[in-house]
Full PDB file with SEQRES, HELIX, SHEET, SSBOND, CRYST1, ORIGX, SCALE, CONECT and MASTER records, all heavy atoms in Angstrom:
SEQRES   1 A   32  GLY GLY SER LEU ARG LEU SER CYS ALA ALA SER GLY SER          
SEQRES   2 A   32  ARG PHE SER ALA TYR TYR MET ALA TRP TYR ARG GLN ALA          
SEQRES   3 A   32  PRO GLY LYS GLN ARG ASP                                      
HELIX    1 AA1 PHE A   15  ALA A   17  5                                   3    
CRYST1    1.000    1.000    1.000  90.00  90.00  90.00 P 1           1          
ORIGX1      1.000000  0.000000  0.000000        0.00000                         
ORIGX2      0.000000  1.000000  0.000000        0.00000                         
ORIGX3      0.000000  0.000000  1.000000        0.00000                         
SCALE1      1.000000  0.000000  0.000000        0.00000                         
SCALE2      0.000000  1.000000  0.000000        0.00000                         
SCALE3      0.000000  0.000000  1.000000        0.00000                         
ATOM      1  N   GLY A   1      -1.538  25.103  -4.785  1.00  0.00           N  
ATOM      2  CA  GLY A   1      -2.474  25.234  -5.893  1.00  0.00           C  
ATOM      3  C   GLY A   1      -2.027  24.543  -7.161  1.00  0.00           C  
ATOM      4  O   GLY A   1      -2.815  24.388  -8.095  1.00  0.00           O  
ATOM      5  N   GLY A   2      -0.775  24.115  -7.176  1.00  0.00           N  
ATOM      6  CA  GLY A   2      -0.221  23.467  -8.361  1.00  0.00           C  
ATOM      7  C   GLY A   2      -0.525  21.986  -8.415  1.00  0.00           C  
ATOM      8  O   GLY A   2      -1.261  21.446  -7.580  1.00  0.00           O  
ATOM      9  N   SER A   3       0.079  21.346  -9.428  1.00  0.00           N  
ATOM     10  CA  SER A   3      -0.154  19.925  -9.678  1.00  0.00           C  
ATOM     11  C   SER A   3       1.152  19.181  -9.884  1.00  0.00           C  
ATOM     12  O   SER A   3       2.154  19.763 -10.320  1.00  0.00           O  
ATOM     13  CB  SER A   3      -1.024  19.744 -10.932  1.00  0.00           C  
ATOM     14  OG  SER A   3      -2.288  20.346 -10.778  1.00  0.00           O  
ATOM     15  N   LEU A   4       1.124  17.904  -9.575  1.00  0.00           N  
ATOM     16  CA  LEU A   4       2.229  16.990  -9.868  1.00  0.00           C  
ATOM     17  C   LEU A   4       1.624  15.643 -10.223  1.00  0.00           C  
ATOM     18  O   LEU A   4       0.531  15.301  -9.757  1.00  0.00           O  
ATOM     19  CB  LEU A   4       3.151  16.815  -8.657  1.00  0.00           C  
ATOM     20  CG  LEU A   4       4.183  17.884  -8.338  1.00  0.00           C  
ATOM     21  CD1 LEU A   4       4.889  17.530  -7.025  1.00  0.00           C  
ATOM     22  CD2 LEU A   4       5.196  18.033  -9.454  1.00  0.00           C  
ATOM     23  N   ARG A   5       2.373  14.881 -11.007  1.00  0.00           N  
ATOM     24  CA  ARG A   5       1.976  13.507 -11.277  1.00  0.00           C  
ATOM     25  C   ARG A   5       3.108  12.582 -10.878  1.00  0.00           C  
ATOM     26  O   ARG A   5       4.219  12.685 -11.410  1.00  0.00           O  
ATOM     27  CB  ARG A   5       1.624  13.279 -12.742  1.00  0.00           C  
ATOM     28  CG  ARG A   5       1.003  11.894 -12.968  1.00  0.00           C  
ATOM     29  CD  ARG A   5       0.568  11.642 -14.395  1.00  0.00           C  
ATOM     30  NE  ARG A   5       1.671  11.283 -15.265  1.00  0.00           N  
ATOM     31  CZ  ARG A   5       1.552  10.598 -16.395  1.00  0.00           C  
ATOM     32  NH1 ARG A   5       0.345  10.197 -16.783  1.00  0.00           N  
ATOM     33  NH2 ARG A   5       2.596  10.330 -17.151  1.00  0.00           N  
ATOM     34  N   LEU A   6       2.818  11.697  -9.956  1.00  0.00           N  
ATOM     35  CA  LEU A   6       3.784  10.689  -9.536  1.00  0.00           C  
ATOM     36  C   LEU A   6       3.596   9.421 -10.358  1.00  0.00           C  
ATOM     37  O   LEU A   6       2.474   9.078 -10.729  1.00  0.00           O  
ATOM     38  CB  LEU A   6       3.614  10.359  -8.052  1.00  0.00           C  
ATOM     39  CG  LEU A   6       3.661  11.523  -7.071  1.00  0.00           C  
ATOM     40  CD1 LEU A   6       3.559  10.992  -5.640  1.00  0.00           C  
ATOM     41  CD2 LEU A   6       4.914  12.344  -7.252  1.00  0.00           C  
ATOM     42  N   SER A   7       4.705   8.756 -10.606  1.00  0.00           N  
ATOM     43  CA  SER A   7       4.683   7.472 -11.311  1.00  0.00           C  
ATOM     44  C   SER A   7       5.371   6.419 -10.467  1.00  0.00           C  
ATOM     45  O   SER A   7       6.308   6.723  -9.728  1.00  0.00           O  
ATOM     46  CB  SER A   7       5.395   7.580 -12.664  1.00  0.00           C  
ATOM     47  OG  SER A   7       4.797   8.538 -13.500  1.00  0.00           O  
ATOM     48  N   CYS A   8       4.924   5.208 -10.616  1.00  0.00           N  
ATOM     49  CA  CYS A   8       5.555   4.073  -9.923  1.00  0.00           C  
ATOM     50  C   CYS A   8       5.635   2.928 -10.929  1.00  0.00           C  
ATOM     51  O   CYS A   8       4.606   2.380 -11.336  1.00  0.00           O  
ATOM     52  CB  CYS A   8       4.747   3.668  -8.709  1.00  0.00           C  
ATOM     53  SG  CYS A   8       5.308   2.144  -7.921  1.00  0.00           S  
ATOM     54  N   ALA A   9       6.853   2.610 -11.317  1.00  0.00           N  
ATOM     55  CA  ALA A   9       7.082   1.525 -12.258  1.00  0.00           C  
ATOM     56  C   ALA A   9       7.381   0.245 -11.494  1.00  0.00           C  
ATOM     57  O   ALA A   9       8.232   0.238 -10.592  1.00  0.00           O  
ATOM     58  CB  ALA A   9       8.244   1.869 -13.180  1.00  0.00           C  
ATOM     59  N   ALA A  10       6.695  -0.815 -11.851  1.00  0.00           N  
ATOM     60  CA  ALA A  10       6.837  -2.089 -11.155  1.00  0.00           C  
ATOM     61  C   ALA A  10       7.444  -3.135 -12.066  1.00  0.00           C  
ATOM     62  O   ALA A  10       7.186  -3.150 -13.274  1.00  0.00           O  
ATOM     63  CB  ALA A  10       5.473  -2.562 -10.663  1.00  0.00           C  
ATOM     64  N   SER A  11       8.237  -4.000 -11.470  1.00  0.00           N  
ATOM     65  CA  SER A  11       8.764  -5.150 -12.209  1.00  0.00           C  
ATOM     66  C   SER A  11       7.766  -6.293 -12.091  1.00  0.00           C  
ATOM     67  O   SER A  11       6.827  -6.241 -11.304  1.00  0.00           O  
ATOM     68  CB  SER A  11      10.124  -5.556 -11.652  1.00  0.00           C  
ATOM     69  OG  SER A  11       9.984  -6.000 -10.303  1.00  0.00           O  
ATOM     70  N   GLY A  12       7.996  -7.346 -12.890  1.00  0.00           N  
ATOM     71  CA  GLY A  12       7.143  -8.517 -12.790  1.00  0.00           C  
ATOM     72  C   GLY A  12       6.189  -8.647 -13.952  1.00  0.00           C  
ATOM     73  O   GLY A  12       5.824  -7.659 -14.595  1.00  0.00           O  
ATOM     74  N   SER A  13       5.824  -9.888 -14.208  1.00  0.00           N  
ATOM     75  CA  SER A  13       4.982 -10.179 -15.368  1.00  0.00           C  
ATOM     76  C   SER A  13       3.498 -10.240 -15.029  1.00  0.00           C  
ATOM     77  O   SER A  13       2.673 -10.411 -15.935  1.00  0.00           O  
ATOM     78  CB  SER A  13       5.415 -11.510 -15.989  1.00  0.00           C  
ATOM     79  OG  SER A  13       5.279 -12.554 -15.033  1.00  0.00           O  
ATOM     80  N   ARG A  14       3.163 -10.090 -13.748  1.00  0.00           N  
ATOM     81  CA  ARG A  14       1.766 -10.199 -13.341  1.00  0.00           C  
ATOM     82  C   ARG A  14       1.211  -8.879 -12.821  1.00  0.00           C  
ATOM     83  O   ARG A  14       0.304  -8.851 -11.999  1.00  0.00           O  
ATOM     84  CB  ARG A  14       1.628 -11.267 -12.258  1.00  0.00           C  
ATOM     85  CG  ARG A  14       2.031 -12.663 -12.686  1.00  0.00           C  
ATOM     86  CD  ARG A  14       1.039 -13.262 -13.672  1.00  0.00           C  
ATOM     87  NE  ARG A  14      -0.321 -13.202 -13.217  1.00  0.00           N  
ATOM     88  CZ  ARG A  14      -0.900 -14.077 -12.389  1.00  0.00           C  
ATOM     89  NH1 ARG A  14      -0.205 -15.088 -11.905  1.00  0.00           N  
ATOM     90  NH2 ARG A  14      -2.169 -13.943 -12.046  1.00  0.00           N  
ATOM     91  N   PHE A  15       1.774  -7.762 -13.327  1.00  0.00           N  
ATOM     92  CA  PHE A  15       1.402  -6.444 -12.800  1.00  0.00           C  
ATOM     93  C   PHE A  15      -0.099  -6.224 -12.805  1.00  0.00           C  
ATOM     94  O   PHE A  15      -0.643  -5.622 -11.891  1.00  0.00           O  
ATOM     95  CB  PHE A  15       2.092  -5.334 -13.607  1.00  0.00           C  
ATOM     96  CG  PHE A  15       1.686  -3.949 -13.170  1.00  0.00           C  
ATOM     97  CD1 PHE A  15       2.236  -3.385 -12.024  1.00  0.00           C  
ATOM     98  CD2 PHE A  15       0.775  -3.207 -13.896  1.00  0.00           C  
ATOM     99  CE1 PHE A  15       1.877  -2.115 -11.598  1.00  0.00           C  
ATOM    100  CE2 PHE A  15       0.396  -1.937 -13.490  1.00  0.00           C  
ATOM    101  CZ  PHE A  15       0.957  -1.385 -12.338  1.00  0.00           C  
ATOM    102  N   SER A  16      -0.774  -6.684 -13.822  1.00  0.00           N  
ATOM    103  CA  SER A  16      -2.214  -6.420 -13.924  1.00  0.00           C  
ATOM    104  C   SER A  16      -2.983  -7.015 -12.740  1.00  0.00           C  
ATOM    105  O   SER A  16      -4.104  -6.598 -12.453  1.00  0.00           O  
ATOM    106  CB  SER A  16      -2.765  -6.959 -15.240  1.00  0.00           C  
ATOM    107  OG  SER A  16      -2.595  -8.361 -15.312  1.00  0.00           O  
ATOM    108  N   ALA A  17      -2.386  -7.958 -12.064  1.00  0.00           N  
ATOM    109  CA  ALA A  17      -3.038  -8.589 -10.912  1.00  0.00           C  
ATOM    110  C   ALA A  17      -2.666  -7.945  -9.583  1.00  0.00           C  
ATOM    111  O   ALA A  17      -3.224  -8.307  -8.546  1.00  0.00           O  
ATOM    112  CB  ALA A  17      -2.691 -10.074 -10.874  1.00  0.00           C  
ATOM    113  N   TYR A  18      -1.722  -7.010  -9.616  1.00  0.00           N  
ATOM    114  CA  TYR A  18      -1.256  -6.411  -8.371  1.00  0.00           C  
ATOM    115  C   TYR A  18      -2.271  -5.422  -7.814  1.00  0.00           C  
ATOM    116  O   TYR A  18      -2.846  -4.614  -8.563  1.00  0.00           O  
ATOM    117  CB  TYR A  18       0.051  -5.636  -8.576  1.00  0.00           C  
ATOM    118  CG  TYR A  18       1.243  -6.410  -9.043  1.00  0.00           C  
ATOM    119  CD1 TYR A  18       2.420  -5.733  -9.381  1.00  0.00           C  
ATOM    120  CD2 TYR A  18       1.237  -7.790  -9.181  1.00  0.00           C  
ATOM    121  CE1 TYR A  18       3.544  -6.401  -9.830  1.00  0.00           C  
ATOM    122  CE2 TYR A  18       2.355  -8.471  -9.637  1.00  0.00           C  
ATOM    123  CZ  TYR A  18       3.508  -7.776  -9.956  1.00  0.00           C  
ATOM    124  OH  TYR A  18       4.610  -8.436 -10.405  1.00  0.00           O  
ATOM    125  N   TYR A  19      -2.438  -5.444  -6.528  1.00  0.00           N  
ATOM    126  CA  TYR A  19      -3.061  -4.342  -5.807  1.00  0.00           C  
ATOM    127  C   TYR A  19      -1.992  -3.278  -5.645  1.00  0.00           C  
ATOM    128  O   TYR A  19      -0.892  -3.580  -5.190  1.00  0.00           O  
ATOM    129  CB  TYR A  19      -3.558  -4.822  -4.450  1.00  0.00           C  
ATOM    130  CG  TYR A  19      -3.924  -3.727  -3.482  1.00  0.00           C  
ATOM    131  CD1 TYR A  19      -5.222  -3.231  -3.440  1.00  0.00           C  
ATOM    132  CD2 TYR A  19      -2.991  -3.215  -2.596  1.00  0.00           C  
ATOM    133  CE1 TYR A  19      -5.575  -2.235  -2.524  1.00  0.00           C  
ATOM    134  CE2 TYR A  19      -3.325  -2.233  -1.687  1.00  0.00           C  
ATOM    135  CZ  TYR A  19      -4.612  -1.745  -1.651  1.00  0.00           C  
ATOM    136  OH  TYR A  19      -4.958  -0.765  -0.752  1.00  0.00           O  
ATOM    137  N   MET A  20      -2.292  -2.030  -6.003  1.00  0.00           N  
ATOM    138  CA  MET A  20      -1.319  -0.952  -5.932  1.00  0.00           C  
ATOM    139  C   MET A  20      -1.874   0.200  -5.097  1.00  0.00           C  
ATOM    140  O   MET A  20      -3.077   0.480  -5.120  1.00  0.00           O  
ATOM    141  CB  MET A  20      -0.992  -0.429  -7.341  1.00  0.00           C  
ATOM    142  CG  MET A  20      -0.413  -1.464  -8.295  1.00  0.00           C  
ATOM    143  SD  MET A  20       1.188  -2.106  -7.777  1.00  0.00           S  
ATOM    144  CE  MET A  20       2.197  -0.624  -7.813  1.00  0.00           C  
ATOM    145  N   ALA A  21      -0.987   0.867  -4.393  1.00  0.00           N  
ATOM    146  CA  ALA A  21      -1.431   1.964  -3.542  1.00  0.00           C  
ATOM    147  C   ALA A  21      -0.316   2.990  -3.388  1.00  0.00           C  
ATOM    148  O   ALA A  21       0.854   2.718  -3.662  1.00  0.00           O  
ATOM    149  CB  ALA A  21      -1.857   1.443  -2.175  1.00  0.00           C  
ATOM    150  N   TRP A  22      -0.721   4.167  -2.947  1.00  0.00           N  
ATOM    151  CA  TRP A  22       0.201   5.232  -2.568  1.00  0.00           C  
ATOM    152  C   TRP A  22      -0.028   5.553  -1.093  1.00  0.00           C  
ATOM    153  O   TRP A  22      -1.185   5.637  -0.637  1.00  0.00           O  
ATOM    154  CB  TRP A  22      -0.022   6.485  -3.396  1.00  0.00           C  
ATOM    155  CG  TRP A  22       0.407   6.374  -4.814  1.00  0.00           C  
ATOM    156  CD1 TRP A  22      -0.365   6.039  -5.883  1.00  0.00           C  
ATOM    157  CD2 TRP A  22       1.727   6.599  -5.331  1.00  0.00           C  
ATOM    158  NE1 TRP A  22       0.388   6.028  -7.036  1.00  0.00           N  
ATOM    159  CE2 TRP A  22       1.685   6.385  -6.720  1.00  0.00           C  
ATOM    160  CE3 TRP A  22       2.947   6.974  -4.755  1.00  0.00           C  
ATOM    161  CZ2 TRP A  22       2.803   6.529  -7.547  1.00  0.00           C  
ATOM    162  CZ3 TRP A  22       4.058   7.117  -5.577  1.00  0.00           C  
ATOM    163  CH2 TRP A  22       3.984   6.893  -6.951  1.00  0.00           C  
ATOM    164  N   TYR A  23       1.085   5.750  -0.390  1.00  0.00           N  
ATOM    165  CA  TYR A  23       1.077   6.199   0.990  1.00  0.00           C  
ATOM    166  C   TYR A  23       1.973   7.425   1.066  1.00  0.00           C  
ATOM    167  O   TYR A  23       2.772   7.681   0.168  1.00  0.00           O  
ATOM    168  CB  TYR A  23       1.611   5.112   1.923  1.00  0.00           C  
ATOM    169  CG  TYR A  23       0.654   3.987   2.199  1.00  0.00           C  
ATOM    170  CD1 TYR A  23       0.395   3.025   1.230  1.00  0.00           C  
ATOM    171  CD2 TYR A  23       0.023   3.866   3.434  1.00  0.00           C  
ATOM    172  CE1 TYR A  23      -0.490   1.983   1.480  1.00  0.00           C  
ATOM    173  CE2 TYR A  23      -0.852   2.826   3.695  1.00  0.00           C  
ATOM    174  CZ  TYR A  23      -1.102   1.891   2.725  1.00  0.00           C  
ATOM    175  OH  TYR A  23      -1.976   0.862   2.981  1.00  0.00           O  
ATOM    176  N   ARG A  24       1.861   8.160   2.161  1.00  0.00           N  
ATOM    177  CA  ARG A  24       2.760   9.291   2.354  1.00  0.00           C  
ATOM    178  C   ARG A  24       3.119   9.436   3.826  1.00  0.00           C  
ATOM    179  O   ARG A  24       2.349   9.040   4.704  1.00  0.00           O  
ATOM    180  CB  ARG A  24       2.140  10.581   1.822  1.00  0.00           C  
ATOM    181  CG  ARG A  24       0.905  11.069   2.581  1.00  0.00           C  
ATOM    182  CD  ARG A  24       0.306  12.268   1.857  1.00  0.00           C  
ATOM    183  NE  ARG A  24      -0.849  12.802   2.578  1.00  0.00           N  
ATOM    184  CZ  ARG A  24      -1.614  13.789   2.115  1.00  0.00           C  
ATOM    185  NH1 ARG A  24      -1.330  14.350   0.925  1.00  0.00           N  
ATOM    186  NH2 ARG A  24      -2.635  14.232   2.816  1.00  0.00           N  
ATOM    187  N   GLN A  25       4.287  10.018   4.032  1.00  0.00           N  
ATOM    188  CA  GLN A  25       4.774  10.220   5.397  1.00  0.00           C  
ATOM    189  C   GLN A  25       5.390  11.595   5.498  1.00  0.00           C  
ATOM    190  O   GLN A  25       6.406  11.883   4.850  1.00  0.00           O  
ATOM    191  CB  GLN A  25       5.786   9.137   5.779  1.00  0.00           C  
ATOM    192  CG  GLN A  25       6.189   9.175   7.232  1.00  0.00           C  
ATOM    193  CD  GLN A  25       6.942   7.929   7.651  1.00  0.00           C  
ATOM    194  OE1 GLN A  25       7.454   7.172   6.816  1.00  0.00           O  
ATOM    195  NE2 GLN A  25       7.005   7.686   8.939  1.00  0.00           N  
ATOM    196  N   ALA A  26       4.781  12.433   6.312  1.00  0.00           N  
ATOM    197  CA  ALA A  26       5.324  13.761   6.580  1.00  0.00           C  
ATOM    198  C   ALA A  26       6.330  13.647   7.726  1.00  0.00           C  
ATOM    199  O   ALA A  26       6.261  12.709   8.529  1.00  0.00           O  
ATOM    200  CB  ALA A  26       4.196  14.715   6.940  1.00  0.00           C  
ATOM    201  N   PRO A  27       7.255  14.600   7.834  1.00  0.00           N  
ATOM    202  CA  PRO A  27       8.258  14.549   8.904  1.00  0.00           C  
ATOM    203  C   PRO A  27       7.623  14.458  10.280  1.00  0.00           C  
ATOM    204  O   PRO A  27       6.712  15.234  10.597  1.00  0.00           O  
ATOM    205  CB  PRO A  27       9.014  15.863   8.721  1.00  0.00           C  
ATOM    206  CG  PRO A  27       8.835  16.204   7.284  1.00  0.00           C  
ATOM    207  CD  PRO A  27       7.466  15.734   6.925  1.00  0.00           C  
ATOM    208  N   GLY A  28       8.069  13.498  11.073  1.00  0.00           N  
ATOM    209  CA  GLY A  28       7.573  13.347  12.425  1.00  0.00           C  
ATOM    210  C   GLY A  28       6.202  12.718  12.543  1.00  0.00           C  
ATOM    211  O   GLY A  28       5.632  12.654  13.636  1.00  0.00           O  
ATOM    212  N   LYS A  29       5.657  12.240  11.424  1.00  0.00           N  
ATOM    213  CA  LYS A  29       4.323  11.657  11.440  1.00  0.00           C  
ATOM    214  C   LYS A  29       4.368  10.221  10.924  1.00  0.00           C  
ATOM    215  O   LYS A  29       5.339   9.778  10.337  1.00  0.00           O  
ATOM    216  CB  LYS A  29       3.363  12.491  10.597  1.00  0.00           C  
ATOM    217  CG  LYS A  29       3.152  13.897  11.156  1.00  0.00           C  
ATOM    218  CD  LYS A  29       2.027  14.607  10.428  1.00  0.00           C  
ATOM    219  CE  LYS A  29       1.756  15.966  11.053  1.00  0.00           C  
ATOM    220  NZ  LYS A  29       0.633  16.671  10.362  1.00  0.00           N  
ATOM    221  N   GLN A  30       3.284   9.503  11.148  1.00  0.00           N  
ATOM    222  CA  GLN A  30       3.208   8.132  10.679  1.00  0.00           C  
ATOM    223  C   GLN A  30       2.934   8.104   9.177  1.00  0.00           C  
ATOM    224  O   GLN A  30       2.519   9.094   8.594  1.00  0.00           O  
ATOM    225  CB  GLN A  30       2.098   7.387  11.418  1.00  0.00           C  
ATOM    226  CG  GLN A  30       0.687   7.903  11.110  1.00  0.00           C  
ATOM    227  CD  GLN A  30      -0.376   7.164  11.901  1.00  0.00           C  
ATOM    228  OE1 GLN A  30      -0.103   6.533  12.921  1.00  0.00           O  
ATOM    229  NE2 GLN A  30      -1.599   7.218  11.422  1.00  0.00           N  
ATOM    230  N   ARG A  31       3.161   6.948   8.596  1.00  0.00           N  
ATOM    231  CA  ARG A  31       2.873   6.766   7.180  1.00  0.00           C  
ATOM    232  C   ARG A  31       1.362   6.559   7.007  1.00  0.00           C  
ATOM    233  O   ARG A  31       0.765   5.700   7.647  1.00  0.00           O  
ATOM    234  CB  ARG A  31       3.639   5.552   6.644  1.00  0.00           C  
ATOM    235  CG  ARG A  31       3.613   5.427   5.137  1.00  0.00           C  
ATOM    236  CD  ARG A  31       4.507   4.300   4.658  1.00  0.00           C  
ATOM    237  NE  ARG A  31       5.906   4.529   4.999  1.00  0.00           N  
ATOM    238  CZ  ARG A  31       6.906   3.771   4.553  1.00  0.00           C  
ATOM    239  NH1 ARG A  31       6.650   2.734   3.754  1.00  0.00           N  
ATOM    240  NH2 ARG A  31       8.151   4.029   4.897  1.00  0.00           N  
ATOM    241  N   ASP A  32       0.768   7.359   6.133  1.00  0.00           N  
ATOM    242  CA  ASP A  32      -0.684   7.340   5.958  1.00  0.00           C  
ATOM    243  C   ASP A  32      -1.069   6.874   4.556  1.00  0.00           C  
ATOM    244  O   ASP A  32      -0.397   7.193   3.569  1.00  0.00           O  
ATOM    245  CB  ASP A  32      -1.277   8.738   6.180  1.00  0.00           C  
ATOM    246  CG  ASP A  32      -1.228   9.172   7.628  1.00  0.00           C  
ATOM    247  OD1 ASP A  32      -1.289   8.299   8.508  1.00  0.00           O  
ATOM    248  OD2 ASP A  32      -1.125  10.395   7.856  1.00  0.00           O  
TER     249      ASP A  32                                                      
MASTER        0    0    0    1    0    0    0    6  248    1    0    3          
END                                                                             
């Protein structure tokens, strides 16, 4: 029921052009 905020800091001067995504992988499962 709680909340968290994840952050991902990227290097590079063209960040605004990057496609960005989040994936997750639970134990014993594929990355989704």
